[in-house]
Protein backbone atom coordinates (compact mmCIF):
# COMPACT_ATOMS: atom_id res chain seq x y z
CA MET A 1 173.35 60.63 -102.12
CA ARG A 2 170.27 58.70 -103.16
CA THR A 3 168.88 55.78 -101.25
CA ALA A 4 168.00 52.53 -103.02
CA ASN A 5 164.30 53.34 -102.81
CA ASN A 6 164.82 56.70 -104.51
CA VAL A 7 166.92 55.12 -107.24
CA PHE A 8 164.30 52.47 -108.02
CA SER A 9 161.48 55.01 -108.05
CA TYR A 10 163.53 57.24 -110.39
CA ILE A 11 164.15 54.32 -112.74
CA LEU A 12 160.48 53.29 -112.75
CA LYS A 13 159.33 56.85 -113.47
CA ASN A 14 161.67 57.23 -116.44
CA LEU A 15 161.00 53.87 -118.11
CA LYS A 16 158.95 54.01 -121.26
CA GLU A 17 155.67 52.13 -121.38
CA GLY A 18 156.21 48.42 -121.92
CA THR A 19 159.92 48.46 -121.10
CA LEU A 20 159.43 46.90 -117.68
CA MET A 21 157.38 44.06 -119.18
CA LYS A 22 160.04 43.41 -121.81
CA LEU A 23 162.74 43.39 -119.13
CA ALA A 24 160.77 40.96 -116.96
CA LEU A 25 160.14 38.67 -119.94
CA LEU A 26 163.80 38.73 -120.93
CA LEU A 27 164.96 37.95 -117.38
CA GLY A 28 162.42 35.11 -117.17
CA VAL A 29 163.69 33.55 -120.40
CA ILE A 30 167.29 33.85 -119.20
CA VAL A 31 166.48 32.17 -115.87
CA VAL A 32 164.63 29.30 -117.56
CA PHE A 33 167.43 28.80 -120.09
CA LEU A 34 170.17 28.75 -117.44
CA THR A 35 168.14 26.44 -115.22
CA SER A 36 167.67 23.97 -118.05
CA ILE A 37 171.39 24.05 -118.85
CA PHE A 38 172.48 23.37 -115.28
CA THR A 39 169.88 20.67 -114.56
CA ALA A 40 170.49 18.78 -117.82
CA GLY A 41 173.82 17.49 -116.55
CA TYR A 42 172.23 15.84 -113.52
CA GLU A 43 169.93 13.40 -115.31
CA ALA A 44 172.35 10.48 -114.91
CA LYS A 45 172.93 8.86 -111.51
CA PRO A 46 176.60 9.17 -110.52
CA GLY A 47 178.54 5.94 -110.08
CA VAL A 48 175.98 3.71 -111.81
CA PRO A 49 176.80 2.01 -115.12
CA LYS A 50 174.90 3.38 -118.12
CA LYS A 51 172.92 0.15 -118.63
CA ASN A 52 171.31 0.43 -115.16
CA GLN A 53 170.13 4.01 -115.44
């Protein structure tokens, strides 16, 4: 049975050049997109009429 450290080192050894950068960029874009979706709903103050916001 492999430990987590061995698994990660195996994955890093077998990745092609540039794949890790593409993965990091993709994960970064996903995080930013999801963050913007979830924070967009909290712009309005709850319980305050729309005119006073």
